[in-house]
Amino acid sequence: MLLETNGLTRRYAGLVAVDNVDLALKPGGIHALIGPNGAGKTTLFNLLTGLVMPSEGQVRFQGTDITALPAHRRTALGMARTFQNIRLFRSMSVLENVLTGAHSKLSTGLLPTVLRLKSFRAEERAAVAQARAALELVGLEAQAALPAGSLPYGDQRLLEIARALVSRPALLLLDEPAAGMNPAETVQLAALVRRIAQTGTTVLLVEHDMGFVMGLSDSITVLNFGRKIFEGTPAEVRAAPVVVEAYLGARLAARLRASHAATLEVADGPRA
């Protein structure tokens, strides 16, 4: 498995934000994490990436126990993420922003860097080439010299993804990547996520746009009140009563099912 959690739990005083969650994520493809507001999705993301430490449970990545590792150590092992709220260096150029994501892969020490020795210059050239390749993948290579803050909102989202990709992660975690995007930008983003998956990078995303999730994901995990309540393909998730009830409430879900059944009965009557 690429990523595994066992009994992962996070408590805040009397609140259990993530409650005994087991995940098993295979290498390759696109996996989504969904659930109603307050289901614990972002807290789980933070547990996986080391921004929050668990109260109980274990996280393993590529066979290594990373439960106690800080975020930068997890990045060095091959994990990268974006955030709900855009976090760019707005006055720096687009290219410079992407280069900040390459730090975990740089090995040149302090002295060669200060003295700008040959080893440092070679590594810097390689990092720039990788940053430009990441910008090309997301479609922003022509904007490399512009200040990051001058980009439209949708392009700033893409820039964050490029910055995450430059570290060449085995697992890319996208936290609500389509938030605030218009329909055209969302279509562009979906195509990009598919291209990323085709390069061999596994994608785990949190997203509220169900059309985006259902049309893009290979598998989906559903959370509610911090607990995993269902896991399966998009078709299986769409048809699962427990998922419908989590989003609509048990009473409304039952009314919808009864209404659907009555509609089918009326429709089938004349044919019978």
C-alpha atoms as a PDB file:
ATOM      1  CA  MET A   1       0.000   0.000   0.000  1.00  0.00           C
ATOM      2  CA  LEU A   2       1.106   3.550  -0.668  1.00  0.00           C
ATOM      3  CA  LEU A   3      -0.668   5.040   2.354  1.00  0.00           C
ATOM      4  CA  GLU A   4      -2.292   3.287   5.318  1.00  0.00           C
ATOM      5  CA  THR A   5      -3.919   4.479   8.503  1.00  0.00           C
ATOM      6  CA  ASN A   6      -4.972   2.289  11.399  1.00  0.00           C
ATOM      7  CA  GLY A   7      -7.386   3.583  14.021  1.00  0.00           C
ATOM      8  CA  LEU A   8      -6.465   7.181  13.266  1.00  0.00           C
ATOM      9  CA  THR A   9      -8.114   9.465  15.823  1.00  0.00           C
ATOM     10  CA  ARG A  10      -7.905  13.136  16.744  1.00  0.00           C
ATOM     11  CA  ARG A  11      -9.635  14.582  19.783  1.00  0.00           C
ATOM     12  CA  TYR A  12     -10.051  18.234  20.759  1.00  0.00           C
ATOM     13  CA  ALA A  13     -11.275  18.281  24.366  1.00  0.00           C
ATOM     14  CA  GLY A  14     -14.776  16.773  24.113  1.00  0.00           C
ATOM     15  CA  LEU A  15     -14.849  16.801  20.285  1.00  0.00           C
ATOM     16  CA  VAL A  16     -13.677  13.796  18.249  1.00  0.00           C
ATOM     17  CA  ALA A  17     -12.809  15.321  14.867  1.00  0.00           C
ATOM     18  CA  VAL A  18     -11.464  12.080  13.361  1.00  0.00           C
ATOM     19  CA  ASP A  19     -12.694   8.847  14.907  1.00  0.00           C
ATOM     20  CA  ASN A  20     -10.862   5.534  14.404  1.00  0.00           C
ATOM     21  CA  VAL A  21     -10.372   5.885  10.626  1.00  0.00           C
ATOM     22  CA  ASP A  22      -8.706   3.121   8.612  1.00  0.00           C
ATOM     23  CA  LEU A  23      -7.524   3.931   5.084  1.00  0.00           C
ATOM     24  CA  ALA A  24      -5.656   1.787   2.569  1.00  0.00           C
ATOM     25  CA  LEU A  25      -4.601   3.716  -0.519  1.00  0.00           C
ATOM     26  CA  LYS A  26      -3.020   1.787  -3.380  1.00  0.00           C
ATOM     27  CA  PRO A  27      -0.446   3.401  -5.696  1.00  0.00           C
ATOM     28  CA  GLY A  28      -1.900   5.026  -8.792  1.00  0.00           C
ATOM     29  CA  GLY A  29      -5.185   6.669  -9.680  1.00  0.00           C
ATOM     30  CA  ILE A  30      -7.359   9.325  -8.071  1.00  0.00           C
ATOM     31  CA  HIS A  31      -8.977   8.797  -4.682  1.00  0.00           C
ATOM     32  CA  ALA A  32     -11.466  11.264  -3.173  1.00  0.00           C
ATOM     33  CA  LEU A  33     -12.415  12.001   0.422  1.00  0.00           C
ATOM     34  CA  ILE A  34     -15.919  13.434   0.790  1.00  0.00           C
ATOM     35  CA  GLY A  35     -18.495  14.131   3.473  1.00  0.00           C
ATOM     36  CA  PRO A  36     -20.828  16.838   4.802  1.00  0.00           C
ATOM     37  CA  ASN A  37     -19.450  20.019   6.369  1.00  0.00           C
ATOM     38  CA  GLY A  38     -17.760  19.183   9.657  1.00  0.00           C
ATOM     39  CA  ALA A  39     -17.185  15.549   8.715  1.00  0.00           C
ATOM     40  CA  GLY A  40     -13.464  15.749   9.558  1.00  0.00           C
ATOM     41  CA  LYS A  41     -12.003  15.762   6.048  1.00  0.00           C
ATOM     42  CA  THR A  42      -9.482  18.568   6.483  1.00  0.00           C
ATOM     43  CA  THR A  43      -8.477  17.313   9.932  1.00  0.00           C
ATOM     44  CA  LEU A  44      -7.755  13.916   8.375  1.00  0.00           C
ATOM     45  CA  PHE A  45      -5.696  15.629   5.654  1.00  0.00           C
ATOM     46  CA  ASN A  46      -3.727  17.457   8.344  1.00  0.00           C
ATOM     47  CA  LEU A  47      -3.110  14.187  10.169  1.00  0.00           C
ATOM     48  CA  LEU A  48      -1.844  12.546   7.004  1.00  0.00           C
ATOM     49  CA  THR A  49       0.526  15.407   6.176  1.00  0.00           C
ATOM     50  CA  GLY A  50       1.862  16.053   9.675  1.00  0.00           C
ATOM     51  CA  LEU A  51       0.313  19.446  10.405  1.00  0.00           C
ATOM     52  CA  VAL A  52      -1.653  17.791  13.228  1.00  0.00           C
ATOM     53  CA  MET A  53      -0.523  14.860  15.385  1.00  0.00           C
ATOM     54  CA  PRO A  54      -3.015  12.066  16.152  1.00  0.00           C
ATOM     55  CA  SER A  55      -4.432  11.343  19.579  1.00  0.00           C
ATOM     56  CA  GLU A  56      -4.352   7.646  18.654  1.00  0.00           C
ATOM     57  CA  GLY A  57      -3.576   5.467  15.677  1.00  0.00           C
ATOM     58  CA  GLN A  58      -0.879   5.092  13.065  1.00  0.00           C
ATOM     59  CA  VAL A  59       0.018   6.446   9.610  1.00  0.00           C
ATOM     60  CA  ARG A  60       2.268   4.468   7.264  1.00  0.00           C
ATOM     61  CA  PHE A  61       3.588   5.805   3.955  1.00  0.00           C
ATOM     62  CA  GLN A  62       5.325   3.529   1.473  1.00  0.00           C
ATOM     63  CA  GLY A  63       5.847   1.024   4.267  1.00  0.00           C
ATOM     64  CA  THR A  64       7.347   3.532   6.722  1.00  0.00           C
ATOM     65  CA  ASP A  65       5.689   4.551   9.990  1.00  0.00           C
ATOM     66  CA  ILE A  66       5.414   8.347   9.703  1.00  0.00           C
ATOM     67  CA  THR A  67       2.975   8.907  12.581  1.00  0.00           C
ATOM     68  CA  ALA A  68       5.375  11.112  14.562  1.00  0.00           C
ATOM     69  CA  LEU A  69       7.172  12.773  11.643  1.00  0.00           C
ATOM     70  CA  PRO A  70       6.724  16.542  11.048  1.00  0.00           C
ATOM     71  CA  ALA A  71       5.380  17.854   7.743  1.00  0.00           C
ATOM     72  CA  HIS A  72       8.752  18.635   6.138  1.00  0.00           C
ATOM     73  CA  ARG A  73       9.997  15.085   6.749  1.00  0.00           C
ATOM     74  CA  ARG A  74       6.890  13.670   5.076  1.00  0.00           C
ATOM     75  CA  THR A  75       7.467  15.965   2.093  1.00  0.00           C
ATOM     76  CA  ALA A  76      11.014  14.642   1.783  1.00  0.00           C
ATOM     77  CA  LEU A  77       9.628  11.092   1.707  1.00  0.00           C
ATOM     78  CA  GLY A  78       7.359  11.887  -1.258  1.00  0.00           C
ATOM     79  CA  MET A  79       4.183  13.531   0.025  1.00  0.00           C
ATOM     80  CA  ALA A  80       2.982  16.990  -1.086  1.00  0.00           C
ATOM     81  CA  ARG A  81      -0.224  18.969  -0.587  1.00  0.00           C
ATOM     82  CA  THR A  82      -2.165  22.120  -1.383  1.00  0.00           C
ATOM     83  CA  PHE A  83      -4.485  24.038   0.966  1.00  0.00           C
ATOM     84  CA  GLN A  84      -8.074  25.287   0.964  1.00  0.00           C
ATOM     85  CA  ASN A  85      -6.829  28.872   1.209  1.00  0.00           C
ATOM     86  CA  ILE A  86      -4.241  29.890  -1.366  1.00  0.00           C
ATOM     87  CA  ARG A  87      -0.818  30.324   0.233  1.00  0.00           C
ATOM     88  CA  LEU A  88       1.509  31.969  -2.248  1.00  0.00           C
ATOM     89  CA  PHE A  89       4.361  34.465  -1.980  1.00  0.00           C
ATOM     90  CA  ARG A  90       2.443  37.112  -3.874  1.00  0.00           C
ATOM     91  CA  SER A  91       5.315  39.521  -4.563  1.00  0.00           C
ATOM     92  CA  MET A  92       7.617  36.755  -5.822  1.00  0.00           C
ATOM     93  CA  SER A  93       7.485  35.550  -9.404  1.00  0.00           C
ATOM     94  CA  VAL A  94       5.513  32.510 -10.493  1.00  0.00           C
ATOM     95  CA  LEU A  95       8.762  30.617 -11.108  1.00  0.00           C
ATOM     96  CA  GLU A  96      10.204  31.603  -7.712  1.00  0.00           C
ATOM     97  CA  ASN A  97       7.059  30.358  -5.987  1.00  0.00           C
ATOM     98  CA  VAL A  98       7.439  26.966  -7.628  1.00  0.00           C
ATOM     99  CA  LEU A  99      11.125  26.825  -6.707  1.00  0.00           C
ATOM    100  CA  THR A 100      10.229  27.106  -3.014  1.00  0.00           C
ATOM    101  CA  GLY A 101       8.599  23.696  -3.372  1.00  0.00           C
ATOM    102  CA  ALA A 102      11.887  22.111  -4.450  1.00  0.00           C
ATOM    103  CA  HIS A 103      13.686  22.701  -1.140  1.00  0.00           C
ATOM    104  CA  SER A 104      13.070  19.185   0.168  1.00  0.00           C
ATOM    105  CA  LYS A 105      15.033  17.694  -2.730  1.00  0.00           C
ATOM    106  CA  LEU A 106      18.079  19.976  -2.482  1.00  0.00           C
ATOM    107  CA  SER A 107      21.192  18.427  -0.947  1.00  0.00           C
ATOM    108  CA  THR A 108      23.839  21.168  -1.281  1.00  0.00           C
ATOM    109  CA  GLY A 109      25.153  22.339   2.092  1.00  0.00           C
ATOM    110  CA  LEU A 110      25.426  25.864   3.477  1.00  0.00           C
ATOM    111  CA  LEU A 111      29.020  26.587   2.418  1.00  0.00           C
ATOM    112  CA  PRO A 112      28.617  25.633  -1.276  1.00  0.00           C
ATOM    113  CA  THR A 113      25.399  27.652  -1.357  1.00  0.00           C
ATOM    114  CA  VAL A 114      26.940  30.780   0.178  1.00  0.00           C
ATOM    115  CA  LEU A 115      30.015  30.547  -2.040  1.00  0.00           C
ATOM    116  CA  ARG A 116      27.924  29.537  -5.066  1.00  0.00           C
ATOM    117  CA  LEU A 117      30.216  26.628  -5.837  1.00  0.00           C
ATOM    118  CA  LYS A 118      29.851  24.414  -8.891  1.00  0.00           C
ATOM    119  CA  SER A 119      27.784  21.813  -7.004  1.00  0.00           C
ATOM    120  CA  PHE A 120      25.288  24.477  -5.935  1.00  0.00           C
ATOM    121  CA  ARG A 121      24.996  25.972  -9.423  1.00  0.00           C
ATOM    122  CA  ALA A 122      24.361  22.547 -10.979  1.00  0.00           C
ATOM    123  CA  GLU A 123      21.645  21.748  -8.443  1.00  0.00           C
ATOM    124  CA  GLU A 124      20.074  25.171  -8.937  1.00  0.00           C
ATOM    125  CA  ARG A 125      19.916  24.667 -12.723  1.00  0.00           C
ATOM    126  CA  ALA A 126      18.248  21.286 -12.217  1.00  0.00           C
ATOM    127  CA  ALA A 127      15.705  22.806  -9.807  1.00  0.00           C
ATOM    128  CA  VAL A 128      14.834  25.566 -12.283  1.00  0.00           C
ATOM    129  CA  ALA A 129      14.362  23.002 -15.061  1.00  0.00           C
ATOM    130  CA  GLN A 130      12.041  20.965 -12.835  1.00  0.00           C
ATOM    131  CA  ALA A 131      10.087  24.080 -11.845  1.00  0.00           C
ATOM    132  CA  ARG A 132       9.601  25.035 -15.485  1.00  0.00           C
ATOM    133  CA  ALA A 133       8.446  21.490 -16.265  1.00  0.00           C
ATOM    134  CA  ALA A 134       5.867  21.719 -13.461  1.00  0.00           C
ATOM    135  CA  LEU A 135       4.641  25.057 -14.817  1.00  0.00           C
ATOM    136  CA  GLU A 136       4.357  23.553 -18.289  1.00  0.00           C
ATOM    137  CA  LEU A 137       2.285  20.672 -16.930  1.00  0.00           C
ATOM    138  CA  VAL A 138      -0.243  23.052 -15.329  1.00  0.00           C
ATOM    139  CA  GLY A 139      -0.214  25.450 -18.292  1.00  0.00           C
ATOM    140  CA  LEU A 140       1.531  28.421 -16.664  1.00  0.00           C
ATOM    141  CA  GLU A 141       4.950  28.334 -18.347  1.00  0.00           C
ATOM    142  CA  ALA A 142       4.215  31.610 -20.202  1.00  0.00           C
ATOM    143  CA  GLN A 143       3.554  33.408 -16.892  1.00  0.00           C
ATOM    144  CA  ALA A 144       6.798  32.288 -15.179  1.00  0.00           C
ATOM    145  CA  ALA A 145       8.186  35.835 -14.788  1.00  0.00           C
ATOM    146  CA  LEU A 146       4.957  37.468 -13.549  1.00  0.00           C
ATOM    147  CA  PRO A 147       4.327  38.232  -9.868  1.00  0.00           C
ATOM    148  CA  ALA A 148       2.242  35.427  -8.397  1.00  0.00           C
ATOM    149  CA  GLY A 149      -0.237  37.938  -6.983  1.00  0.00           C
ATOM    150  CA  SER A 150      -1.057  39.222 -10.468  1.00  0.00           C
ATOM    151  CA  LEU A 151      -2.489  35.899 -11.645  1.00  0.00           C
ATOM    152  CA  PRO A 152      -6.255  35.310 -11.827  1.00  0.00           C
ATOM    153  CA  TYR A 153      -7.703  33.253  -8.996  1.00  0.00           C
ATOM    154  CA  GLY A 154      -7.926  30.014 -10.992  1.00  0.00           C
ATOM    155  CA  ASP A 155      -4.306  30.305 -12.143  1.00  0.00           C
ATOM    156  CA  GLN A 156      -3.188  30.860  -8.551  1.00  0.00           C
ATOM    157  CA  ARG A 157      -4.804  27.526  -7.706  1.00  0.00           C
ATOM    158  CA  LEU A 158      -2.851  25.907 -10.548  1.00  0.00           C
ATOM    159  CA  LEU A 159       0.346  27.561  -9.332  1.00  0.00           C
ATOM    160  CA  GLU A 160      -0.084  25.951  -5.918  1.00  0.00           C
ATOM    161  CA  ILE A 161      -0.384  22.573  -7.613  1.00  0.00           C
ATOM    162  CA  ALA A 162       2.791  23.242  -9.647  1.00  0.00           C
ATOM    163  CA  ARG A 163       4.642  24.124  -6.445  1.00  0.00           C
ATOM    164  CA  ALA A 164       3.548  20.827  -4.898  1.00  0.00           C
ATOM    165  CA  LEU A 165       4.508  18.850  -8.018  1.00  0.00           C
ATOM    166  CA  VAL A 166       8.073  20.180  -8.232  1.00  0.00           C
ATOM    167  CA  SER A 167       9.085  17.980  -5.292  1.00  0.00           C
ATOM    168  CA  ARG A 168       8.143  14.967  -7.457  1.00  0.00           C
ATOM    169  CA  PRO A 169       5.744  13.454  -4.917  1.00  0.00           C
ATOM    170  CA  ALA A 170       4.501   9.883  -4.936  1.00  0.00           C
ATOM    171  CA  LEU A 171       1.296  11.175  -3.317  1.00  0.00           C
ATOM    172  CA  LEU A 172      -0.315  14.557  -4.043  1.00  0.00           C
ATOM    173  CA  LEU A 173      -3.019  15.697  -1.621  1.00  0.00           C
ATOM    174  CA  LEU A 174      -5.369  18.389  -2.946  1.00  0.00           C
ATOM    175  CA  ASP A 175      -7.539  20.156  -0.360  1.00  0.00           C
ATOM    176  CA  GLU A 176     -10.631  21.517  -2.161  1.00  0.00           C
ATOM    177  CA  PRO A 177      -8.761  22.356  -5.376  1.00  0.00           C
ATOM    178  CA  ALA A 178     -11.916  23.482  -7.221  1.00  0.00           C
ATOM    179  CA  ALA A 179     -13.080  25.876  -4.476  1.00  0.00           C
ATOM    180  CA  GLY A 180     -13.956  29.268  -5.978  1.00  0.00           C
ATOM    181  CA  MET A 181     -13.377  28.163  -9.567  1.00  0.00           C
ATOM    182  CA  ASN A 182     -15.876  28.840 -12.335  1.00  0.00           C
ATOM    183  CA  PRO A 183     -17.173  25.930 -14.485  1.00  0.00           C
ATOM    184  CA  ALA A 184     -14.574  26.422 -17.233  1.00  0.00           C
ATOM    185  CA  GLU A 185     -11.731  26.488 -14.698  1.00  0.00           C
ATOM    186  CA  THR A 186     -13.124  23.371 -13.024  1.00  0.00           C
ATOM    187  CA  VAL A 187     -13.078  21.481 -16.334  1.00  0.00           C
ATOM    188  CA  GLN A 188      -9.466  22.593 -16.867  1.00  0.00           C
ATOM    189  CA  LEU A 189      -8.571  21.454 -13.347  1.00  0.00           C
ATOM    190  CA  ALA A 190     -10.136  18.014 -13.854  1.00  0.00           C
ATOM    191  CA  ALA A 191      -8.076  17.521 -17.020  1.00  0.00           C
ATOM    192  CA  LEU A 192      -4.930  18.543 -15.116  1.00  0.00           C
ATOM    193  CA  VAL A 193      -5.589  16.105 -12.252  1.00  0.00           C
ATOM    194  CA  ARG A 194      -6.019  13.301 -14.792  1.00  0.00           C
ATOM    195  CA  ARG A 195      -2.689  14.247 -16.434  1.00  0.00           C
ATOM    196  CA  ILE A 196      -0.981  14.201 -13.053  1.00  0.00           C
ATOM    197  CA  ALA A 197      -2.346  10.739 -12.291  1.00  0.00           C
ATOM    198  CA  GLN A 198      -1.185   9.543 -15.718  1.00  0.00           C
ATOM    199  CA  THR A 199       2.394  10.566 -14.845  1.00  0.00           C
ATOM    200  CA  GLY A 200       2.328   8.038 -11.987  1.00  0.00           C
ATOM    201  CA  THR A 201       1.566  10.370  -9.083  1.00  0.00           C
ATOM    202  CA  THR A 202      -1.259   9.127  -6.870  1.00  0.00           C
ATOM    203  CA  VAL A 203      -3.839  11.826  -6.078  1.00  0.00           C
ATOM    204  CA  LEU A 204      -5.916  12.089  -2.893  1.00  0.00           C
ATOM    205  CA  LEU A 205      -8.372  14.978  -2.900  1.00  0.00           C
ATOM    206  CA  VAL A 206     -10.983  16.567  -0.664  1.00  0.00           C
ATOM    207  CA  GLU A 207     -13.714  18.321  -2.611  1.00  0.00           C
ATOM    208  CA  HIS A 208     -17.314  19.512  -2.121  1.00  0.00           C
ATOM    209  CA  ASP A 209     -18.150  19.670  -5.846  1.00  0.00           C
ATOM    210  CA  MET A 210     -19.832  16.291  -6.289  1.00  0.00           C
ATOM    211  CA  GLY A 211     -19.930  16.545 -10.081  1.00  0.00           C
ATOM    212  CA  PHE A 212     -16.161  17.091 -10.067  1.00  0.00           C
ATOM    213  CA  VAL A 213     -15.569  14.184  -7.669  1.00  0.00           C
ATOM    214  CA  MET A 214     -17.893  11.683  -9.331  1.00  0.00           C
ATOM    215  CA  GLY A 215     -16.559  12.331 -12.805  1.00  0.00           C
ATOM    216  CA  LEU A 216     -12.899  12.208 -11.801  1.00  0.00           C
ATOM    217  CA  SER A 217     -12.315   9.700  -9.005  1.00  0.00           C
ATOM    218  CA  ASP A 218     -11.481   6.023  -9.235  1.00  0.00           C
ATOM    219  CA  SER A 219     -12.546   5.435  -5.623  1.00  0.00           C
ATOM    220  CA  ILE A 220     -14.139   7.467  -2.846  1.00  0.00           C
ATOM    221  CA  THR A 221     -14.071   7.372   0.959  1.00  0.00           C
ATOM    222  CA  VAL A 222     -16.991   8.994   2.777  1.00  0.00           C
ATOM    223  CA  LEU A 223     -16.671  10.528   6.255  1.00  0.00           C
ATOM    224  CA  ASN A 224     -19.439  11.649   8.599  1.00  0.00           C
ATOM    225  CA  PHE A 225     -18.925  12.981  12.114  1.00  0.00           C
ATOM    226  CA  GLY A 226     -15.285  11.942  11.891  1.00  0.00           C
ATOM    227  CA  ARG A 227     -15.973   8.284  11.053  1.00  0.00           C
ATOM    228  CA  LYS A 228     -15.592   6.413   7.786  1.00  0.00           C
ATOM    229  CA  ILE A 229     -19.090   5.329   6.776  1.00  0.00           C
ATOM    230  CA  PHE A 230     -18.557   4.049   3.232  1.00  0.00           C
ATOM    231  CA  GLU A 231     -15.923   3.393   0.607  1.00  0.00           C
ATOM    232  CA  GLY A 232     -16.276   2.349  -3.018  1.00  0.00           C
ATOM    233  CA  THR A 233     -16.471   3.444  -6.631  1.00  0.00           C
ATOM    234  CA  PRO A 234     -18.369   6.620  -7.579  1.00  0.00           C
ATOM    235  CA  ALA A 235     -21.348   4.523  -8.711  1.00  0.00           C
ATOM    236  CA  GLU A 236     -21.392   2.586  -5.442  1.00  0.00           C
ATOM    237  CA  VAL A 237     -21.116   5.744  -3.357  1.00  0.00           C
ATOM    238  CA  ARG A 238     -23.905   7.456  -5.310  1.00  0.00           C
ATOM    239  CA  ALA A 239     -26.246   4.522  -4.659  1.00  0.00           C
ATOM    240  CA  ALA A 240     -25.381   3.910  -0.986  1.00  0.00           C
ATOM    241  CA  PRO A 241     -28.295   4.798   1.376  1.00  0.00           C
ATOM    242  CA  VAL A 242     -25.894   5.592   4.222  1.00  0.00           C
ATOM    243  CA  VAL A 243     -24.194   8.242   2.054  1.00  0.00           C
ATOM    244  CA  VAL A 244     -27.501   9.791   0.973  1.00  0.00           C
ATOM    245  CA  GLU A 245     -28.599   9.962   4.602  1.00  0.00           C
ATOM    246  CA  ALA A 246     -25.325  11.572   5.662  1.00  0.00           C
ATOM    247  CA  TYR A 247     -25.853  14.407   3.183  1.00  0.00           C
ATOM    248  CA  LEU A 248     -29.649  14.801   3.362  1.00  0.00           C
ATOM    249  CA  GLY A 249     -30.606  13.386   6.747  1.00  0.00           C
ATOM    250  CA  ALA A 250     -32.401  10.091   7.323  1.00  0.00           C
ATOM    251  CA  ARG A 251     -35.930  11.539   7.183  1.00  0.00           C
ATOM    252  CA  LEU A 252     -35.496  13.401   3.892  1.00  0.00           C
ATOM    253  CA  ALA A 253     -33.626  10.464   2.355  1.00  0.00           C
ATOM    254  CA  ALA A 254     -36.490   8.123   3.290  1.00  0.00           C
ATOM    255  CA  ARG A 255     -39.032  10.534   1.747  1.00  0.00           C
ATOM    256  CA  LEU A 256     -37.019  10.696  -1.482  1.00  0.00           C
ATOM    257  CA  ARG A 257     -36.777   6.906  -1.668  1.00  0.00           C
ATOM    258  CA  ALA A 258     -40.528   6.573  -1.067  1.00  0.00           C
ATOM    259  CA  SER A 259     -41.248   9.196  -3.733  1.00  0.00           C
ATOM    260  CA  HIS A 260     -38.968   7.412  -6.202  1.00  0.00           C
ATOM    261  CA  ALA A 261     -40.643   4.074  -5.506  1.00  0.00           C
ATOM    262  CA  ALA A 262     -44.104   5.606  -6.012  1.00  0.00           C
ATOM    263  CA  THR A 263     -42.997   7.135  -9.302  1.00  0.00           C
ATOM    264  CA  LEU A 264     -41.767   3.771 -10.547  1.00  0.00           C
ATOM    265  CA  GLU A 265     -45.027   2.100  -9.485  1.00  0.00           C
ATOM    266  CA  VAL A 266     -47.123   4.630 -11.415  1.00  0.00           C
ATOM    267  CA  ALA A 267     -44.844   4.359 -14.435  1.00  0.00           C
ATOM    268  CA  ASP A 268     -44.975   0.562 -14.427  1.00  0.00           C
ATOM    269  CA  GLY A 269     -48.784   0.406 -13.987  1.00  0.00           C
ATOM    270  CA  PRO A 270     -49.959   1.050 -17.552  1.00  0.00           C
ATOM    271  CA  ARG A 271     -47.290  -1.252 -18.983  1.00  0.00           C
ATOM    272  CA  ALA A 272     -48.411  -4.028 -16.632  1.00  0.00           C
END
